[in-house]
Amino acid sequence: MRSKTQTSPAARQAKSEPETSAAAPSDPQTPLEARRLLNRAAIAHDESERYPGLYDEQKLLEADRCEAAALAYLYPEPEPYTAEGGALVPQEGSATQASAVRRSSKVAGIADNQRLDLASEARADELAIDMEESAAAQTSIEKAMVHQLAAAHALALRLVGRANLEIEGMGRFDRQGRRETIVEIARLSNAAARLMQTFQQGAVAFTKMRGGGAQTIVVQHVQVNEGGQAVIAGQARGASDKGDEDGN
């Protein structure tokens, strides 16, 4: 009876794939395609180190080509480097020196257009742009938050306007119609109130995120001269502390 040899899951998958799977993919046309190419290259490099012989030289070269094509799409502008002592280092004041995370200007532009499209669907595009500029939103999270605030603000006020129209038209209905209108007004008012509360909570969260969640506690020292009184926890106590515990 022949013994069965065990192979790794990655090796079994690689052997089961046809040879055509290593065909060169086209250059990425979208950020999603570029990200997937980068992931494919990273997986190939990792498995080639963990399982020597799993990938031949041609497949590794193709993984390198995929990685290069994805990086060229995501980061079309080269990072500013300068030569110092035979080595390339980031130029002073460059984005690379300021942050270890490199962002793609192309992806950021596409994402910004998507945010504006979503804000336009919410009928709050101009409000979103104004809030973004007013708050000086820089990161993607900050921009997303102010766009959500703009959408909540716009919808809350539209619901209030609709409730006011219902109130103005109540005189045209009979008793039953007025009852139904009151129910609709209450429904619109409650929804608007929840949106306003959500807006206020979001504004507080945005402020905390900007400040890093830090809180400032101010401790003040109050000095009271002999014979004076200081209000502590709602009670008036003499400065000489001659009274009893009830303050008499």
C-alpha atoms as a PDB file:
ATOM      1  CA  MET A   1       0.000   0.000   0.000  1.00  0.00           C
ATOM      2  CA  ARG A   2       1.443   3.314  -1.086  1.00  0.00           C
ATOM      3  CA  SER A   3       1.743   6.077   1.513  1.00  0.00           C
ATOM      4  CA  LYS A   4       0.114   9.417   0.781  1.00  0.00           C
ATOM      5  CA  THR A   5       2.370  12.448   0.734  1.00  0.00           C
ATOM      6  CA  GLN A   6       0.938  15.582   2.273  1.00  0.00           C
ATOM      7  CA  THR A   7       1.410  18.934   0.606  1.00  0.00           C
ATOM      8  CA  SER A   8       0.539  22.426   1.741  1.00  0.00           C
ATOM      9  CA  PRO A   9      -2.825  23.954   0.757  1.00  0.00           C
ATOM     10  CA  ALA A  10      -1.010  26.613  -1.262  1.00  0.00           C
ATOM     11  CA  ALA A  11       0.961  23.953  -3.127  1.00  0.00           C
ATOM     12  CA  ARG A  12      -2.170  21.922  -3.905  1.00  0.00           C
ATOM     13  CA  GLN A  13      -3.908  25.033  -5.182  1.00  0.00           C
ATOM     14  CA  ALA A  14      -0.941  26.017  -7.318  1.00  0.00           C
ATOM     15  CA  LYS A  15      -0.709  22.510  -8.853  1.00  0.00           C
ATOM     16  CA  SER A  16      -4.431  22.402  -9.547  1.00  0.00           C
ATOM     17  CA  GLU A  17      -4.350  25.708 -11.416  1.00  0.00           C
ATOM     18  CA  PRO A  18      -3.773  25.480 -15.156  1.00  0.00           C
ATOM     19  CA  GLU A  19      -0.641  26.920 -16.643  1.00  0.00           C
ATOM     20  CA  THR A  20      -2.685  29.670 -18.273  1.00  0.00           C
ATOM     21  CA  SER A  21      -3.317  31.179 -14.815  1.00  0.00           C
ATOM     22  CA  ALA A  22       0.100  32.812 -15.006  1.00  0.00           C
ATOM     23  CA  ALA A  23      -0.860  34.761 -18.098  1.00  0.00           C
ATOM     24  CA  ALA A  24       0.042  38.406 -17.855  1.00  0.00           C
ATOM     25  CA  PRO A  25      -2.997  40.435 -16.727  1.00  0.00           C
ATOM     26  CA  SER A  26      -3.704  43.764 -18.318  1.00  0.00           C
ATOM     27  CA  ASP A  27      -2.593  46.924 -16.577  1.00  0.00           C
ATOM     28  CA  PRO A  28      -5.033  48.066 -13.890  1.00  0.00           C
ATOM     29  CA  GLN A  29      -7.728  50.510 -14.890  1.00  0.00           C
ATOM     30  CA  THR A  30      -9.292  51.100 -11.485  1.00  0.00           C
ATOM     31  CA  PRO A  31      -7.983  51.399  -7.912  1.00  0.00           C
ATOM     32  CA  LEU A  32      -9.683  48.090  -7.082  1.00  0.00           C
ATOM     33  CA  GLU A  33      -7.800  46.278  -9.838  1.00  0.00           C
ATOM     34  CA  ALA A  34      -4.541  47.862  -8.711  1.00  0.00           C
ATOM     35  CA  ARG A  35      -5.103  46.788  -5.105  1.00  0.00           C
ATOM     36  CA  ARG A  36      -5.844  43.242  -6.197  1.00  0.00           C
ATOM     37  CA  LEU A  37      -2.669  43.123  -8.266  1.00  0.00           C
ATOM     38  CA  LEU A  38      -0.673  44.284  -5.259  1.00  0.00           C
ATOM     39  CA  ASN A  39      -2.301  41.604  -3.120  1.00  0.00           C
ATOM     40  CA  ARG A  40      -1.599  38.949  -5.741  1.00  0.00           C
ATOM     41  CA  ALA A  41       2.054  39.943  -5.911  1.00  0.00           C
ATOM     42  CA  ALA A  42       2.352  39.988  -2.110  1.00  0.00           C
ATOM     43  CA  ILE A  43       0.856  36.493  -1.841  1.00  0.00           C
ATOM     44  CA  ALA A  44       3.190  35.157  -4.527  1.00  0.00           C
ATOM     45  CA  HIS A  45       6.271  36.617  -2.821  1.00  0.00           C
ATOM     46  CA  ASP A  46       5.218  35.294   0.574  1.00  0.00           C
ATOM     47  CA  GLU A  47       4.453  31.771  -0.653  1.00  0.00           C
ATOM     48  CA  SER A  48       7.649  31.616  -2.702  1.00  0.00           C
ATOM     49  CA  GLU A  49       9.608  32.188   0.507  1.00  0.00           C
ATOM     50  CA  ARG A  50       7.568  29.753   2.579  1.00  0.00           C
ATOM     51  CA  TYR A  51       7.397  27.029  -0.083  1.00  0.00           C
ATOM     52  CA  PRO A  52      10.574  27.073  -2.226  1.00  0.00           C
ATOM     53  CA  GLY A  53       9.955  25.726  -5.704  1.00  0.00           C
ATOM     54  CA  LEU A  54       6.242  26.505  -5.665  1.00  0.00           C
ATOM     55  CA  TYR A  55       6.679  29.326  -8.154  1.00  0.00           C
ATOM     56  CA  ASP A  56       9.063  29.234 -11.074  1.00  0.00           C
ATOM     57  CA  GLU A  57      11.085  32.228 -12.192  1.00  0.00           C
ATOM     58  CA  GLN A  58       8.521  33.232 -14.806  1.00  0.00           C
ATOM     59  CA  LYS A  59       5.720  33.447 -12.225  1.00  0.00           C
ATOM     60  CA  LEU A  60       7.871  35.490  -9.863  1.00  0.00           C
ATOM     61  CA  LEU A  61       8.777  37.871 -12.672  1.00  0.00           C
ATOM     62  CA  GLU A  62       5.087  38.206 -13.470  1.00  0.00           C
ATOM     63  CA  ALA A  63       4.339  38.968  -9.822  1.00  0.00           C
ATOM     64  CA  ASP A  64       6.970  41.708  -9.922  1.00  0.00           C
ATOM     65  CA  ARG A  65       5.420  43.105 -13.099  1.00  0.00           C
ATOM     66  CA  CYS A  66       1.959  43.136 -11.494  1.00  0.00           C
ATOM     67  CA  GLU A  67       3.330  44.961  -8.477  1.00  0.00           C
ATOM     68  CA  ALA A  68       5.115  47.526 -10.656  1.00  0.00           C
ATOM     69  CA  ALA A  69       2.000  48.115 -12.796  1.00  0.00           C
ATOM     70  CA  ALA A  70      -0.194  48.572  -9.720  1.00  0.00           C
ATOM     71  CA  LEU A  71       2.225  50.985  -8.078  1.00  0.00           C
ATOM     72  CA  ALA A  72       2.558  52.973 -11.307  1.00  0.00           C
ATOM     73  CA  TYR A  73      -1.223  53.327 -11.446  1.00  0.00           C
ATOM     74  CA  LEU A  74      -1.742  54.196  -7.787  1.00  0.00           C
ATOM     75  CA  TYR A  75       1.282  56.482  -7.490  1.00  0.00           C
ATOM     76  CA  PRO A  76       1.915  58.068 -10.894  1.00  0.00           C
ATOM     77  CA  GLU A  77       4.003  60.825  -9.331  1.00  0.00           C
ATOM     78  CA  PRO A  78       7.371  59.646  -7.982  1.00  0.00           C
ATOM     79  CA  GLU A  79       8.258  60.550  -4.439  1.00  0.00           C
ATOM     80  CA  PRO A  80      10.715  63.454  -4.089  1.00  0.00           C
ATOM     81  CA  TYR A  81      14.084  61.953  -3.199  1.00  0.00           C
ATOM     82  CA  THR A  82      17.516  63.473  -3.128  1.00  0.00           C
ATOM     83  CA  ALA A  83      20.943  61.841  -3.129  1.00  0.00           C
ATOM     84  CA  GLU A  84      22.959  62.111   0.069  1.00  0.00           C
ATOM     85  CA  GLY A  85      26.157  60.145   0.554  1.00  0.00           C
ATOM     86  CA  GLY A  86      25.307  57.707  -2.207  1.00  0.00           C
ATOM     87  CA  ALA A  87      21.842  56.967  -0.801  1.00  0.00           C
ATOM     88  CA  LEU A  88      18.399  58.260  -1.738  1.00  0.00           C
ATOM     89  CA  VAL A  89      16.564  59.958   1.115  1.00  0.00           C
ATOM     90  CA  PRO A  90      13.238  61.876   1.149  1.00  0.00           C
ATOM     91  CA  GLN A  91      13.585  65.562   0.473  1.00  0.00           C
ATOM     92  CA  GLU A  92      13.066  67.869   3.424  1.00  0.00           C
ATOM     93  CA  GLY A  93       9.433  68.822   3.874  1.00  0.00           C
ATOM     94  CA  SER A  94       8.163  66.066   1.587  1.00  0.00           C
ATOM     95  CA  ALA A  95       4.991  64.116   2.348  1.00  0.00           C
ATOM     96  CA  THR A  96       7.046  60.955   2.842  1.00  0.00           C
ATOM     97  CA  GLN A  97       9.026  62.587   5.601  1.00  0.00           C
ATOM     98  CA  ALA A  98       5.890  63.923   7.282  1.00  0.00           C
ATOM     99  CA  SER A  99       4.012  60.621   7.207  1.00  0.00           C
ATOM    100  CA  ALA A 100       5.118  57.028   6.924  1.00  0.00           C
ATOM    101  CA  VAL A 101       1.896  56.205   5.056  1.00  0.00           C
ATOM    102  CA  ARG A 102       1.979  57.087   1.383  1.00  0.00           C
ATOM    103  CA  ARG A 103      -1.369  58.060  -0.109  1.00  0.00           C
ATOM    104  CA  SER A 104      -2.257  57.859  -3.767  1.00  0.00           C
ATOM    105  CA  SER A 105      -3.369  61.208  -5.154  1.00  0.00           C
ATOM    106  CA  LYS A 106      -5.281  59.400  -7.886  1.00  0.00           C
ATOM    107  CA  VAL A 107      -7.233  57.230  -5.451  1.00  0.00           C
ATOM    108  CA  ALA A 108      -7.845  60.244  -3.208  1.00  0.00           C
ATOM    109  CA  GLY A 109      -9.277  62.182  -6.156  1.00  0.00           C
ATOM    110  CA  ILE A 110     -11.534  59.317  -7.213  1.00  0.00           C
ATOM    111  CA  ALA A 111     -12.737  58.839  -3.632  1.00  0.00           C
ATOM    112  CA  ASP A 112     -13.416  62.573  -3.307  1.00  0.00           C
ATOM    113  CA  ASN A 113     -15.570  62.471  -6.446  1.00  0.00           C
ATOM    114  CA  GLN A 114     -17.489  59.513  -5.015  1.00  0.00           C
ATOM    115  CA  ARG A 115     -18.120  61.413  -1.786  1.00  0.00           C
ATOM    116  CA  LEU A 116     -19.409  64.389  -3.761  1.00  0.00           C
ATOM    117  CA  ASP A 117     -21.664  62.117  -5.853  1.00  0.00           C
ATOM    118  CA  LEU A 118     -23.130  60.611  -2.683  1.00  0.00           C
ATOM    119  CA  ALA A 119     -23.616  64.065  -1.180  1.00  0.00           C
ATOM    120  CA  SER A 120     -25.369  65.134  -4.385  1.00  0.00           C
ATOM    121  CA  GLU A 121     -27.715  62.146  -4.130  1.00  0.00           C
ATOM    122  CA  ALA A 122     -28.498  63.311  -0.601  1.00  0.00           C
ATOM    123  CA  ARG A 123     -29.165  66.821  -2.015  1.00  0.00           C
ATOM    124  CA  ALA A 124     -26.446  68.243   0.208  1.00  0.00           C
ATOM    125  CA  ASP A 125     -23.486  68.626  -2.142  1.00  0.00           C
ATOM    126  CA  GLU A 126     -22.991  72.369  -1.677  1.00  0.00           C
ATOM    127  CA  LEU A 127     -23.528  72.055   2.074  1.00  0.00           C
ATOM    128  CA  ALA A 128     -20.932  69.276   2.156  1.00  0.00           C
ATOM    129  CA  ILE A 129     -18.379  71.357   0.259  1.00  0.00           C
ATOM    130  CA  ASP A 130     -19.001  74.373   2.479  1.00  0.00           C
ATOM    131  CA  MET A 131     -18.671  72.325   5.689  1.00  0.00           C
ATOM    132  CA  GLU A 132     -15.551  70.620   4.374  1.00  0.00           C
ATOM    133  CA  GLU A 133     -13.899  73.957   3.640  1.00  0.00           C
ATOM    134  CA  SER A 134     -15.158  75.582   6.836  1.00  0.00           C
ATOM    135  CA  ALA A 135     -13.856  72.729   9.007  1.00  0.00           C
ATOM    136  CA  ALA A 136     -10.656  72.500   6.948  1.00  0.00           C
ATOM    137  CA  ALA A 137     -11.147  68.727   6.670  1.00  0.00           C
ATOM    138  CA  GLN A 138      -7.920  67.051   5.616  1.00  0.00           C
ATOM    139  CA  THR A 139      -8.184  63.288   6.009  1.00  0.00           C
ATOM    140  CA  SER A 140     -10.712  61.029   4.315  1.00  0.00           C
ATOM    141  CA  ILE A 141     -12.389  60.320   7.656  1.00  0.00           C
ATOM    142  CA  GLU A 142     -12.816  64.032   8.368  1.00  0.00           C
ATOM    143  CA  LYS A 143     -14.284  64.648   4.912  1.00  0.00           C
ATOM    144  CA  ALA A 144     -16.672  61.710   5.272  1.00  0.00           C
ATOM    145  CA  MET A 145     -17.811  62.961   8.666  1.00  0.00           C
ATOM    146  CA  VAL A 146     -18.573  66.503   7.515  1.00  0.00           C
ATOM    147  CA  HIS A 147     -20.416  65.147   4.463  1.00  0.00           C
ATOM    148  CA  GLN A 148     -22.560  63.002   6.754  1.00  0.00           C
ATOM    149  CA  LEU A 149     -23.192  66.021   8.959  1.00  0.00           C
ATOM    150  CA  ALA A 150     -24.255  68.037   5.925  1.00  0.00           C
ATOM    151  CA  ALA A 151     -26.647  65.295   4.794  1.00  0.00           C
ATOM    152  CA  ALA A 152     -28.180  64.978   8.266  1.00  0.00           C
ATOM    153  CA  HIS A 153     -28.537  68.747   8.549  1.00  0.00           C
ATOM    154  CA  ALA A 154     -30.208  69.067   5.151  1.00  0.00           C
ATOM    155  CA  LEU A 155     -32.648  66.214   5.728  1.00  0.00           C
ATOM    156  CA  ALA A 156     -33.583  67.451   9.206  1.00  0.00           C
ATOM    157  CA  LEU A 157     -34.504  70.888   7.898  1.00  0.00           C
ATOM    158  CA  ARG A 158     -36.439  69.425   4.979  1.00  0.00           C
ATOM    159  CA  LEU A 159     -38.473  67.336   7.411  1.00  0.00           C
ATOM    160  CA  VAL A 160     -39.176  70.427   9.499  1.00  0.00           C
ATOM    161  CA  GLY A 161     -40.308  72.248   6.378  1.00  0.00           C
ATOM    162  CA  ARG A 162     -42.615  69.368   5.463  1.00  0.00           C
ATOM    163  CA  ALA A 163     -44.060  69.382   8.986  1.00  0.00           C
ATOM    164  CA  ASN A 164     -44.753  73.112   8.689  1.00  0.00           C
ATOM    165  CA  LEU A 165     -46.595  72.543   5.397  1.00  0.00           C
ATOM    166  CA  GLU A 166     -48.748  69.933   7.110  1.00  0.00           C
ATOM    167  CA  ILE A 167     -49.522  72.393   9.912  1.00  0.00           C
ATOM    168  CA  GLU A 168     -50.482  75.160   7.461  1.00  0.00           C
ATOM    169  CA  GLY A 169     -52.853  72.841   5.601  1.00  0.00           C
ATOM    170  CA  MET A 170     -54.683  71.426   8.592  1.00  0.00           C
ATOM    171  CA  GLY A 171     -57.614  73.837   8.146  1.00  0.00           C
ATOM    172  CA  ARG A 172     -58.643  72.146   4.908  1.00  0.00           C
ATOM    173  CA  PHE A 173     -59.424  68.794   6.546  1.00  0.00           C
ATOM    174  CA  ASP A 174     -62.277  67.538   8.647  1.00  0.00           C
ATOM    175  CA  ARG A 175     -61.850  66.249  12.183  1.00  0.00           C
ATOM    176  CA  GLN A 176     -60.554  62.835  11.098  1.00  0.00           C
ATOM    177  CA  GLY A 177     -58.236  64.415   8.546  1.00  0.00           C
ATOM    178  CA  ARG A 178     -56.802  66.741  11.173  1.00  0.00           C
ATOM    179  CA  ARG A 179     -56.111  63.785  13.459  1.00  0.00           C
ATOM    180  CA  GLU A 180     -54.215  62.016  10.692  1.00  0.00           C
ATOM    181  CA  THR A 181     -52.331  65.208   9.930  1.00  0.00           C
ATOM    182  CA  ILE A 182     -51.311  65.582  13.577  1.00  0.00           C
ATOM    183  CA  VAL A 183     -49.935  62.040  13.519  1.00  0.00           C
ATOM    184  CA  GLU A 184     -47.922  62.839  10.375  1.00  0.00           C
ATOM    185  CA  ILE A 185     -46.625  66.061  11.916  1.00  0.00           C
ATOM    186  CA  ALA A 186     -45.498  64.160  15.019  1.00  0.00           C
ATOM    187  CA  ARG A 187     -43.765  61.548  12.873  1.00  0.00           C
ATOM    188  CA  LEU A 188     -41.925  64.178  10.832  1.00  0.00           C
ATOM    189  CA  SER A 189     -40.998  66.151  13.943  1.00  0.00           C
ATOM    190  CA  ASN A 190     -39.595  63.097  15.725  1.00  0.00           C
ATOM    191  CA  ALA A 191     -37.532  62.111  12.708  1.00  0.00           C
ATOM    192  CA  ALA A 192     -36.189  65.667  12.396  1.00  0.00           C
ATOM    193  CA  ALA A 193     -35.355  65.772  16.108  1.00  0.00           C
ATOM    194  CA  ARG A 194     -33.396  62.503  15.856  1.00  0.00           C
ATOM    195  CA  LEU A 195     -31.471  63.824  12.872  1.00  0.00           C
ATOM    196  CA  MET A 196     -30.654  67.044  14.712  1.00  0.00           C
ATOM    197  CA  GLN A 197     -29.436  65.042  17.695  1.00  0.00           C
ATOM    198  CA  THR A 198     -27.340  62.891  15.371  1.00  0.00           C
ATOM    199  CA  PHE A 199     -25.871  66.027  13.823  1.00  0.00           C
ATOM    200  CA  GLN A 200     -24.941  67.428  17.228  1.00  0.00           C
ATOM    201  CA  GLN A 201     -23.384  64.146  18.351  1.00  0.00           C
ATOM    202  CA  GLY A 202     -21.427  63.953  15.110  1.00  0.00           C
ATOM    203  CA  ALA A 203     -20.167  67.500  15.549  1.00  0.00           C
ATOM    204  CA  VAL A 204     -18.960  66.638  19.059  1.00  0.00           C
ATOM    205  CA  ALA A 205     -17.283  63.462  17.768  1.00  0.00           C
ATOM    206  CA  PHE A 206     -15.579  65.454  15.009  1.00  0.00           C
ATOM    207  CA  THR A 207     -14.278  67.965  17.551  1.00  0.00           C
ATOM    208  CA  LYS A 208     -12.972  65.181  19.801  1.00  0.00           C
ATOM    209  CA  MET A 209     -11.278  63.475  16.873  1.00  0.00           C
ATOM    210  CA  ARG A 210      -9.608  66.731  15.918  1.00  0.00           C
ATOM    211  CA  GLY A 211      -8.363  67.201  19.474  1.00  0.00           C
ATOM    212  CA  GLY A 212      -7.216  63.624  19.821  1.00  0.00           C
ATOM    213  CA  GLY A 213      -9.792  62.972  22.534  1.00  0.00           C
ATOM    214  CA  ALA A 214      -7.886  65.105  25.035  1.00  0.00           C
ATOM    215  CA  GLN A 215      -9.809  66.875  27.761  1.00  0.00           C
ATOM    216  CA  THR A 216      -8.707  70.008  29.549  1.00  0.00           C
ATOM    217  CA  ILE A 217      -9.502  70.375  33.250  1.00  0.00           C
ATOM    218  CA  VAL A 218      -9.168  73.851  34.747  1.00  0.00           C
ATOM    219  CA  VAL A 219      -8.600  73.948  38.497  1.00  0.00           C
ATOM    220  CA  GLN A 220      -9.263  77.311  40.110  1.00  0.00           C
ATOM    221  CA  HIS A 221      -8.247  78.332  43.627  1.00  0.00           C
ATOM    222  CA  VAL A 222     -10.680  80.563  45.479  1.00  0.00           C
ATOM    223  CA  GLN A 223      -9.368  82.512  48.452  1.00  0.00           C
ATOM    224  CA  VAL A 224     -11.895  83.921  50.921  1.00  0.00           C
ATOM    225  CA  ASN A 225     -10.879  86.426  53.574  1.00  0.00           C
ATOM    226  CA  GLU A 226     -11.827  86.175  57.245  1.00  0.00           C
ATOM    227  CA  GLY A 227     -15.539  86.668  57.738  1.00  0.00           C
ATOM    228  CA  GLY A 228     -16.397  86.061  54.094  1.00  0.00           C
ATOM    229  CA  GLN A 229     -18.399  83.206  52.629  1.00  0.00           C
ATOM    230  CA  ALA A 230     -17.732  80.784  49.836  1.00  0.00           C
ATOM    231  CA  VAL A 231     -20.387  78.723  48.049  1.00  0.00           C
ATOM    232  CA  ILE A 232     -19.306  75.093  47.970  1.00  0.00           C
ATOM    233  CA  ALA A 233     -21.629  72.452  46.516  1.00  0.00           C
ATOM    234  CA  GLY A 234     -24.598  74.777  46.939  1.00  0.00           C
ATOM    235  CA  GLN A 235     -23.950  75.547  50.616  1.00  0.00           C
ATOM    236  CA  ALA A 236     -22.783  78.802  52.158  1.00  0.00           C
ATOM    237  CA  ARG A 237     -20.023  78.199  54.711  1.00  0.00           C
ATOM    238  CA  GLY A 238     -18.178  80.736  56.771  1.00  0.00           C
ATOM    239  CA  ALA A 239     -14.524  81.215  55.971  1.00  0.00           C
ATOM    240  CA  SER A 240     -13.628  80.883  59.656  1.00  0.00           C
ATOM    241  CA  ASP A 241     -15.518  77.520  59.673  1.00  0.00           C
ATOM    242  CA  LYS A 242     -17.038  78.360  63.081  1.00  0.00           C
ATOM    243  CA  GLY A 243     -20.484  77.019  62.221  1.00  0.00           C
ATOM    244  CA  ASP A 244     -21.735  73.513  62.866  1.00  0.00           C
ATOM    245  CA  GLU A 245     -22.095  70.842  60.175  1.00  0.00           C
ATOM    246  CA  ASP A 246     -25.523  72.181  59.198  1.00  0.00           C
ATOM    247  CA  GLY A 247     -24.045  75.562  58.442  1.00  0.00           C
ATOM    248  CA  ASN A 248     -25.723  77.258  61.446  1.00  0.00           C
END
